[in-house]
Amino acid sequence: MKPFTMLMFLIAWLPIERGFQVFCRADAKKIEGAPSDLPASKGRGALSAAYTIAKLGREKKQPDLLLAAARVIGTTRVAKPEPNGDQVGIEDELRADAMALVAEANAIGGTSAEPIALLAAAVEKEIKEVKRGATDLGPRVYVGTFDRAPETNQYVAALRGGNLATIALYKLGLKGDIELYVTDPDGKEIKDPRIRCEEDFFLTFTPPKTAKYKIAVKCWGLSGEKSIRYRLIIDQR
C-alpha cells in the first residue's frame, strides 16, 4: 500500500520536466536548453505524466504503476469543449482508458495479486464516483487521426501569461512518424524546454503574456498503416 500511496503524491507534486525524465525510458533524448529546475505545482501536467507512467507500467508489467496512472486519468476533469466540438466524448475516452489500465493491473497480479485486487477495486470505485462534467481549469485533450502523409493538424490554444504550460503529444500505436510544433503569436517556434521520449513529445514553457499559440501535429509517414492516431494534451493551471 505504501509504494502506491507514494506514487499518488508523486504524480500530483513532481515538477513536470523532472517527472517526464524520471518516467521516460533511460534512452530518452532531452533537447538542449531545458532548465534544470522547474517550479512544482499540484495538478499541473498530472494527466500527461499519468499517460507516461501508464506506458512504463505496461513495459515493466508493474500493476502499481498502472493503477497510479488509472486513478489520475479516470478522475481528471477536462476543459469545456471548443466550439468546433473536437473534444466531445473525451471524458468518456479517458474513463475507458483508466478502466482498461485497472483491468490490466488485475490481469498482471503476480505474487501480489490480492493487494493489487484491493487497490484496483478502490481505484475503480473512485473513478465511477468522481463528479463528471467539464471545468474551466481542466486540461484540453484532443484525439486525432491521420490517414495520409505528409499532413498537418492545427490547433489554437489561448495560454495565460506567467503560468507554466504543458503540451504533450502521444502517438497511439507502434507505427507512423509524427511530431509536435508550437509557435508563439509572432510566428516563432518554441523548442525549449522540450523532451522527446521515444515517439512522444513534451513541451513545457511559461508564456510571457496572455495570447493565442498555434500548435501543429505533423505526420511525416504512416509506415505502411492505413491510419495512425494520436492524443494531444494542453494543460495550464
C-alpha atoms as a PDB file:
ATOM      1  CA  MET A   1       0.000   0.000   0.000  1.00  0.00           C
ATOM      2  CA  LYS A   2       2.766   2.458   0.873  1.00  0.00           C
ATOM      3  CA  PRO A   3       4.501   2.458  -2.561  1.00  0.00           C
ATOM      4  CA  PHE A   4       1.110   3.020  -4.223  1.00  0.00           C
ATOM      5  CA  THR A   5       0.298   5.913  -1.881  1.00  0.00           C
ATOM      6  CA  MET A   6       3.678   7.491  -2.586  1.00  0.00           C
ATOM      7  CA  LEU A   7       3.003   7.283  -6.321  1.00  0.00           C
ATOM      8  CA  MET A   8      -0.230   9.220  -5.845  1.00  0.00           C
ATOM      9  CA  PHE A   9       1.642  12.130  -4.308  1.00  0.00           C
ATOM     10  CA  LEU A  10       4.457  11.822  -6.815  1.00  0.00           C
ATOM     11  CA  ILE A  11       2.112  12.286  -9.773  1.00  0.00           C
ATOM     12  CA  ALA A  12       0.456  15.296  -8.159  1.00  0.00           C
ATOM     13  CA  TRP A  13       3.542  17.144  -6.946  1.00  0.00           C
ATOM     14  CA  LEU A  14       6.513  16.237  -9.144  1.00  0.00           C
ATOM     15  CA  PRO A  15       7.738  19.151 -11.293  1.00  0.00           C
ATOM     16  CA  ILE A  16       6.725  18.372 -14.863  1.00  0.00           C
ATOM     17  CA  GLU A  17      10.102  18.322 -16.565  1.00  0.00           C
ATOM     18  CA  ARG A  18      11.597  16.166 -13.799  1.00  0.00           C
ATOM     19  CA  GLY A  19       8.611  13.842 -13.906  1.00  0.00           C
ATOM     20  CA  PHE A  20       8.980  13.128 -17.615  1.00  0.00           C
ATOM     21  CA  GLN A  21      12.707  12.479 -17.158  1.00  0.00           C
ATOM     22  CA  VAL A  22      12.018  10.065 -14.300  1.00  0.00           C
ATOM     23  CA  PHE A  23       9.310   8.071 -16.063  1.00  0.00           C
ATOM     24  CA  CYS A  24      10.620   8.139 -19.647  1.00  0.00           C
ATOM     25  CA  ARG A  25      12.986   5.360 -20.601  1.00  0.00           C
ATOM     26  CA  ALA A  26      16.662   5.828 -19.962  1.00  0.00           C
ATOM     27  CA  ASP A  27      17.434   6.377 -23.653  1.00  0.00           C
ATOM     28  CA  ALA A  28      15.045   9.343 -23.914  1.00  0.00           C
ATOM     29  CA  LYS A  29      16.686  12.336 -25.538  1.00  0.00           C
ATOM     30  CA  LYS A  30      16.435  15.641 -23.747  1.00  0.00           C
ATOM     31  CA  ILE A  31      16.738  18.600 -26.066  1.00  0.00           C
ATOM     32  CA  GLU A  32      19.303  21.188 -25.018  1.00  0.00           C
ATOM     33  CA  GLY A  33      18.168  24.331 -23.273  1.00  0.00           C
ATOM     34  CA  ALA A  34      15.673  22.965 -20.755  1.00  0.00           C
ATOM     35  CA  PRO A  35      16.028  24.497 -17.282  1.00  0.00           C
ATOM     36  CA  SER A  36      17.317  22.203 -14.578  1.00  0.00           C
ATOM     37  CA  ASP A  37      14.694  23.229 -12.047  1.00  0.00           C
ATOM     38  CA  LEU A  38      11.043  23.966 -12.759  1.00  0.00           C
ATOM     39  CA  PRO A  39       8.612  25.043 -10.025  1.00  0.00           C
ATOM     40  CA  ALA A  40       6.304  22.356  -8.715  1.00  0.00           C
ATOM     41  CA  SER A  41       2.558  22.899  -8.924  1.00  0.00           C
ATOM     42  CA  LYS A  42      -0.031  20.452  -7.651  1.00  0.00           C
ATOM     43  CA  GLY A  43      -2.076  19.006 -10.502  1.00  0.00           C
ATOM     44  CA  ARG A  44      -0.374  20.796 -13.384  1.00  0.00           C
ATOM     45  CA  GLY A  45       0.583  18.319 -16.079  1.00  0.00           C
ATOM     46  CA  ALA A  46      -0.618  15.361 -13.997  1.00  0.00           C
ATOM     47  CA  LEU A  47      -2.651  13.911 -16.867  1.00  0.00           C
ATOM     48  CA  SER A  48       0.342  13.960 -19.215  1.00  0.00           C
ATOM     49  CA  ALA A  49       2.556  12.397 -16.548  1.00  0.00           C
ATOM     50  CA  ALA A  50      -0.078   9.714 -15.886  1.00  0.00           C
ATOM     51  CA  TYR A  51      -0.066   8.537 -19.506  1.00  0.00           C
ATOM     52  CA  THR A  52       3.731   8.381 -19.389  1.00  0.00           C
ATOM     53  CA  ILE A  53       3.565   6.310 -16.201  1.00  0.00           C
ATOM     54  CA  ALA A  54       0.982   4.013 -17.799  1.00  0.00           C
ATOM     55  CA  LYS A  55       3.336   3.382 -20.710  1.00  0.00           C
ATOM     56  CA  LEU A  56       6.153   2.484 -18.345  1.00  0.00           C
ATOM     57  CA  GLY A  57       3.836   0.273 -16.295  1.00  0.00           C
ATOM     58  CA  ARG A  58       2.911  -1.694 -19.409  1.00  0.00           C
ATOM     59  CA  GLU A  59       6.542  -2.094 -20.457  1.00  0.00           C
ATOM     60  CA  LYS A  60       7.677  -3.208 -16.998  1.00  0.00           C
ATOM     61  CA  LYS A  61       4.451  -5.104 -16.196  1.00  0.00           C
ATOM     62  CA  GLN A  62       4.076  -3.231 -12.901  1.00  0.00           C
ATOM     63  CA  PRO A  63       0.438  -3.147 -11.737  1.00  0.00           C
ATOM     64  CA  ASP A  64       1.096  -0.438  -9.133  1.00  0.00           C
ATOM     65  CA  LEU A  65       2.176   1.986 -11.877  1.00  0.00           C
ATOM     66  CA  LEU A  66      -0.858   1.088 -13.963  1.00  0.00           C
ATOM     67  CA  LEU A  67      -3.206   1.762 -11.040  1.00  0.00           C
ATOM     68  CA  ALA A  68      -1.490   5.044 -10.180  1.00  0.00           C
ATOM     69  CA  ALA A  69      -1.956   6.194 -13.770  1.00  0.00           C
ATOM     70  CA  ALA A  70      -5.537   4.915 -13.914  1.00  0.00           C
ATOM     71  CA  ARG A  71      -6.533   6.934 -10.857  1.00  0.00           C
ATOM     72  CA  VAL A  72      -5.308  10.207 -12.348  1.00  0.00           C
ATOM     73  CA  ILE A  73      -6.620   9.559 -15.866  1.00  0.00           C
ATOM     74  CA  GLY A  74     -10.018   8.404 -14.637  1.00  0.00           C
ATOM     75  CA  THR A  75     -10.605  11.281 -12.217  1.00  0.00           C
ATOM     76  CA  THR A  76      -9.317  14.211 -14.271  1.00  0.00           C
ATOM     77  CA  ARG A  77     -11.943  16.714 -15.376  1.00  0.00           C
ATOM     78  CA  VAL A  78     -11.111  18.172 -18.766  1.00  0.00           C
ATOM     79  CA  ALA A  79     -11.734  21.678 -20.071  1.00  0.00           C
ATOM     80  CA  LYS A  80     -15.005  22.638 -21.709  1.00  0.00           C
ATOM     81  CA  PRO A  81     -15.153  21.632 -25.399  1.00  0.00           C
ATOM     82  CA  GLU A  82     -14.159  24.151 -28.031  1.00  0.00           C
ATOM     83  CA  PRO A  83     -16.951  25.466 -30.292  1.00  0.00           C
ATOM     84  CA  ASN A  84     -15.847  23.127 -33.103  1.00  0.00           C
ATOM     85  CA  GLY A  85     -16.660  20.115 -30.902  1.00  0.00           C
ATOM     86  CA  ASP A  86     -13.225  18.475 -31.212  1.00  0.00           C
ATOM     87  CA  GLN A  87     -13.312  17.440 -27.552  1.00  0.00           C
ATOM     88  CA  VAL A  88     -16.768  15.893 -27.481  1.00  0.00           C
ATOM     89  CA  GLY A  89     -16.618  12.475 -25.792  1.00  0.00           C
ATOM     90  CA  ILE A  90     -13.110  12.967 -24.397  1.00  0.00           C
ATOM     91  CA  GLU A  91     -14.183  12.375 -20.780  1.00  0.00           C
ATOM     92  CA  ASP A  92     -15.669   9.025 -21.772  1.00  0.00           C
ATOM     93  CA  GLU A  93     -12.463   8.106 -23.587  1.00  0.00           C
ATOM     94  CA  LEU A  94     -10.312   8.991 -20.578  1.00  0.00           C
ATOM     95  CA  ARG A  95     -12.551   6.935 -18.327  1.00  0.00           C
ATOM     96  CA  ALA A  96     -12.326   3.985 -20.724  1.00  0.00           C
ATOM     97  CA  ASP A  97      -8.521   4.307 -20.767  1.00  0.00           C
ATOM     98  CA  ALA A  98      -8.468   4.290 -16.962  1.00  0.00           C
ATOM     99  CA  MET A  99     -10.707   1.247 -16.642  1.00  0.00           C
ATOM    100  CA  ALA A 100      -8.564  -0.602 -19.186  1.00  0.00           C
ATOM    101  CA  LEU A 101      -5.500   0.113 -17.029  1.00  0.00           C
ATOM    102  CA  VAL A 102      -7.299  -1.232 -13.945  1.00  0.00           C
ATOM    103  CA  ALA A 103      -8.129  -4.424 -15.850  1.00  0.00           C
ATOM    104  CA  GLU A 104      -4.510  -4.774 -16.988  1.00  0.00           C
ATOM    105  CA  ALA A 105      -3.252  -4.347 -13.429  1.00  0.00           C
ATOM    106  CA  ASN A 106      -5.622  -7.071 -12.200  1.00  0.00           C
ATOM    107  CA  ALA A 107      -4.515  -9.363 -15.019  1.00  0.00           C
ATOM    108  CA  ILE A 108      -0.843  -8.987 -14.112  1.00  0.00           C
ATOM    109  CA  GLY A 109      -1.458  -9.661 -10.414  1.00  0.00           C
ATOM    110  CA  GLY A 110       1.532 -11.916  -9.799  1.00  0.00           C
ATOM    111  CA  THR A 111       2.688 -12.617  -6.271  1.00  0.00           C
ATOM    112  CA  SER A 112       0.805  -9.510  -5.074  1.00  0.00           C
ATOM    113  CA  ALA A 113      -2.493 -10.442  -6.704  1.00  0.00           C
ATOM    114  CA  GLU A 114      -4.616  -9.988  -3.575  1.00  0.00           C
ATOM    115  CA  PRO A 115      -3.414  -6.498  -2.515  1.00  0.00           C
ATOM    116  CA  ILE A 116      -3.414  -5.397  -6.171  1.00  0.00           C
ATOM    117  CA  ALA A 117      -7.030  -6.539  -6.481  1.00  0.00           C
ATOM    118  CA  LEU A 118      -7.964  -4.490  -3.400  1.00  0.00           C
ATOM    119  CA  LEU A 119      -6.209  -1.405  -4.770  1.00  0.00           C
ATOM    120  CA  ALA A 120      -7.790  -1.936  -8.179  1.00  0.00           C
ATOM    121  CA  ALA A 121     -11.241  -2.095  -6.603  1.00  0.00           C
ATOM    122  CA  ALA A 122     -10.603   1.133  -4.696  1.00  0.00           C
ATOM    123  CA  VAL A 123      -9.374   2.947  -7.833  1.00  0.00           C
ATOM    124  CA  GLU A 124     -12.313   1.654  -9.880  1.00  0.00           C
ATOM    125  CA  LYS A 125     -14.747   2.842  -7.202  1.00  0.00           C
ATOM    126  CA  GLU A 126     -13.185   6.304  -7.142  1.00  0.00           C
ATOM    127  CA  ILE A 127     -13.316   6.585 -10.942  1.00  0.00           C
ATOM    128  CA  LYS A 128     -17.003   5.659 -11.001  1.00  0.00           C
ATOM    129  CA  GLU A 129     -17.897   8.081  -8.214  1.00  0.00           C
ATOM    130  CA  VAL A 130     -15.946  11.121  -9.409  1.00  0.00           C
ATOM    131  CA  LYS A 131     -18.005  14.131 -10.432  1.00  0.00           C
ATOM    132  CA  ARG A 132     -18.301  14.312 -14.208  1.00  0.00           C
ATOM    133  CA  GLY A 133     -18.519  17.399 -16.381  1.00  0.00           C
ATOM    134  CA  ALA A 134     -16.083  19.823 -17.955  1.00  0.00           C
ATOM    135  CA  THR A 135     -14.385  22.604 -15.998  1.00  0.00           C
ATOM    136  CA  ASP A 136     -12.809  25.936 -16.896  1.00  0.00           C
ATOM    137  CA  LEU A 137      -9.438  24.930 -15.434  1.00  0.00           C
ATOM    138  CA  GLY A 138      -9.035  21.391 -16.730  1.00  0.00           C
ATOM    139  CA  PRO A 139      -6.597  20.288 -19.448  1.00  0.00           C
ATOM    140  CA  ARG A 140      -7.694  20.273 -23.075  1.00  0.00           C
ATOM    141  CA  VAL A 141      -7.455  16.830 -24.645  1.00  0.00           C
ATOM    142  CA  TYR A 142      -7.734  16.054 -28.351  1.00  0.00           C
ATOM    143  CA  VAL A 143      -7.575  12.726 -30.161  1.00  0.00           C
ATOM    144  CA  GLY A 144      -6.736  12.999 -33.846  1.00  0.00           C
ATOM    145  CA  THR A 145      -6.207  10.720 -36.836  1.00  0.00           C
ATOM    146  CA  PHE A 146      -4.005  10.813 -39.921  1.00  0.00           C
ATOM    147  CA  ASP A 147      -4.898   8.706 -42.948  1.00  0.00           C
ATOM    148  CA  ARG A 148      -2.309  10.195 -45.293  1.00  0.00           C
ATOM    149  CA  ALA A 149       1.116  11.800 -45.130  1.00  0.00           C
ATOM    150  CA  PRO A 150       2.565  14.309 -45.092  1.00  0.00           C
ATOM    151  CA  GLU A 151      -0.300  16.087 -43.378  1.00  0.00           C
ATOM    152  CA  THR A 152      -0.710  18.578 -40.526  1.00  0.00           C
ATOM    153  CA  ASN A 153      -3.492  19.102 -37.982  1.00  0.00           C
ATOM    154  CA  GLN A 154      -3.654  22.583 -36.479  1.00  0.00           C
ATOM    155  CA  TYR A 155      -4.858  23.710 -33.049  1.00  0.00           C
ATOM    156  CA  VAL A 156      -5.007  27.086 -31.311  1.00  0.00           C
ATOM    157  CA  ALA A 157      -4.577  27.410 -27.541  1.00  0.00           C
ATOM    158  CA  ALA A 158      -5.204  30.565 -25.527  1.00  0.00           C
ATOM    159  CA  LEU A 159      -2.488  30.489 -22.852  1.00  0.00           C
ATOM    160  CA  ARG A 160      -2.210  32.778 -19.842  1.00  0.00           C
ATOM    161  CA  GLY A 161       0.922  34.811 -19.338  1.00  0.00           C
ATOM    162  CA  GLY A 162       3.082  33.886 -16.360  1.00  0.00           C
ATOM    163  CA  ASN A 163       1.570  30.395 -15.925  1.00  0.00           C
ATOM    164  CA  LEU A 164       3.572  27.282 -16.798  1.00  0.00           C
ATOM    165  CA  ALA A 165       2.024  25.408 -19.728  1.00  0.00           C
ATOM    166  CA  THR A 166       2.483  21.731 -20.567  1.00  0.00           C
ATOM    167  CA  ILE A 167       1.835  20.389 -24.069  1.00  0.00           C
ATOM    168  CA  ALA A 168       2.166  16.639 -24.631  1.00  0.00           C
ATOM    169  CA  LEU A 169       1.791  14.571 -27.799  1.00  0.00           C
ATOM    170  CA  TYR A 170       1.356  10.792 -27.665  1.00  0.00           C
ATOM    171  CA  LYS A 171       1.318   8.506 -30.671  1.00  0.00           C
ATOM    172  CA  LEU A 172      -1.342   5.824 -30.173  1.00  0.00           C
ATOM    173  CA  GLY A 173       0.280   2.817 -31.808  1.00  0.00           C
ATOM    174  CA  LEU A 174       3.688   1.495 -32.743  1.00  0.00           C
ATOM    175  CA  LYS A 175       3.989   2.753 -36.307  1.00  0.00           C
ATOM    176  CA  GLY A 176       3.952   6.124 -38.013  1.00  0.00           C
ATOM    177  CA  ASP A 177       6.078   9.251 -37.714  1.00  0.00           C
ATOM    178  CA  ILE A 178       4.539  12.324 -36.062  1.00  0.00           C
ATOM    179  CA  GLU A 179       5.996  15.436 -34.476  1.00  0.00           C
ATOM    180  CA  LEU A 180       4.893  18.424 -32.382  1.00  0.00           C
ATOM    181  CA  TYR A 181       5.428  22.077 -33.299  1.00  0.00           C
ATOM    182  CA  VAL A 182       4.375  25.108 -31.219  1.00  0.00           C
ATOM    183  CA  THR A 183       4.639  28.734 -32.370  1.00  0.00           C
ATOM    184  CA  ASP A 184       4.059  31.956 -30.447  1.00  0.00           C
ATOM    185  CA  PRO A 185       1.864  34.870 -31.603  1.00  0.00           C
ATOM    186  CA  ASP A 186       4.833  36.291 -33.556  1.00  0.00           C
ATOM    187  CA  GLY A 187       5.276  33.070 -35.510  1.00  0.00           C
ATOM    188  CA  LYS A 188       8.438  31.995 -33.660  1.00  0.00           C
ATOM    189  CA  GLU A 189       8.717  28.268 -32.940  1.00  0.00           C
ATOM    190  CA  ILE A 190       9.085  27.319 -29.281  1.00  0.00           C
ATOM    191  CA  LYS A 191      11.604  24.492 -28.998  1.00  0.00           C
ATOM    192  CA  ASP A 192      12.925  24.680 -25.450  1.00  0.00           C
ATOM    193  CA  PRO A 193      12.476  23.263 -22.934  1.00  0.00           C
ATOM    194  CA  ARG A 194      11.348  20.126 -24.741  1.00  0.00           C
ATOM    195  CA  ILE A 195      11.741  16.405 -24.114  1.00  0.00           C
ATOM    196  CA  ARG A 196      11.339  13.624 -26.651  1.00  0.00           C
ATOM    197  CA  CYS A 197      10.600  10.295 -25.034  1.00  0.00           C
ATOM    198  CA  GLU A 198      10.792   7.645 -27.749  1.00  0.00           C
ATOM    199  CA  GLU A 199       7.897   8.622 -30.054  1.00  0.00           C
ATOM    200  CA  ASP A 200       6.230  11.071 -27.643  1.00  0.00           C
ATOM    201  CA  PHE A 201       6.848  14.796 -27.214  1.00  0.00           C
ATOM    202  CA  PHE A 202       6.599  17.004 -24.111  1.00  0.00           C
ATOM    203  CA  LEU A 203       6.982  20.785 -24.132  1.00  0.00           C
ATOM    204  CA  THR A 204       6.867  22.970 -21.016  1.00  0.00           C
ATOM    205  CA  PHE A 205       7.202  26.744 -21.070  1.00  0.00           C
ATOM    206  CA  THR A 206       5.867  29.890 -19.437  1.00  0.00           C
ATOM    207  CA  PRO A 207       4.167  32.285 -21.869  1.00  0.00           C
ATOM    208  CA  PRO A 208       5.420  35.847 -21.232  1.00  0.00           C
ATOM    209  CA  LYS A 209       1.938  37.241 -21.879  1.00  0.00           C
ATOM    210  CA  THR A 210      -1.611  36.022 -22.435  1.00  0.00           C
ATOM    211  CA  ALA A 211      -2.013  35.172 -26.106  1.00  0.00           C
ATOM    212  CA  LYS A 212      -3.052  32.523 -28.606  1.00  0.00           C
ATOM    213  CA  TYR A 213      -0.428  29.942 -29.541  1.00  0.00           C
ATOM    214  CA  LYS A 214      -0.543  27.721 -32.612  1.00  0.00           C
ATOM    215  CA  ILE A 215       0.029  24.004 -32.109  1.00  0.00           C
ATOM    216  CA  ALA A 216       0.708  21.765 -35.093  1.00  0.00           C
ATOM    217  CA  VAL A 217       0.808  17.973 -35.138  1.00  0.00           C
ATOM    218  CA  LYS A 218       2.660  16.861 -38.263  1.00  0.00           C
ATOM    219  CA  CYS A 219       2.516  13.364 -39.753  1.00  0.00           C
ATOM    220  CA  TRP A 220       5.571  12.583 -41.847  1.00  0.00           C
ATOM    221  CA  GLY A 221       4.694   8.985 -42.674  1.00  0.00           C
ATOM    222  CA  LEU A 222       2.236   6.174 -41.910  1.00  0.00           C
ATOM    223  CA  SER A 223       4.830   3.362 -42.003  1.00  0.00           C
ATOM    224  CA  GLY A 224       2.517   1.138 -44.017  1.00  0.00           C
ATOM    225  CA  GLU A 225      -0.533   1.691 -41.793  1.00  0.00           C
ATOM    226  CA  LYS A 226      -3.886   2.839 -43.224  1.00  0.00           C
ATOM    227  CA  SER A 227      -4.114   5.430 -40.445  1.00  0.00           C
ATOM    228  CA  ILE A 228      -2.494   6.430 -37.165  1.00  0.00           C
ATOM    229  CA  ARG A 229      -3.992   8.119 -34.091  1.00  0.00           C
ATOM    230  CA  TYR A 230      -2.554  10.458 -31.503  1.00  0.00           C
ATOM    231  CA  ARG A 231      -3.515  12.161 -28.255  1.00  0.00           C
ATOM    232  CA  LEU A 232      -2.692  15.842 -27.663  1.00  0.00           C
ATOM    233  CA  ILE A 233      -2.897  17.271 -24.131  1.00  0.00           C
ATOM    234  CA  ILE A 234      -2.697  21.016 -23.439  1.00  0.00           C
ATOM    235  CA  ASP A 235      -2.576  21.871 -19.746  1.00  0.00           C
ATOM    236  CA  GLN A 236      -2.089  25.129 -17.888  1.00  0.00           C
ATOM    237  CA  ARG A 237      -3.094  25.917 -14.312  1.00  0.00           C
END
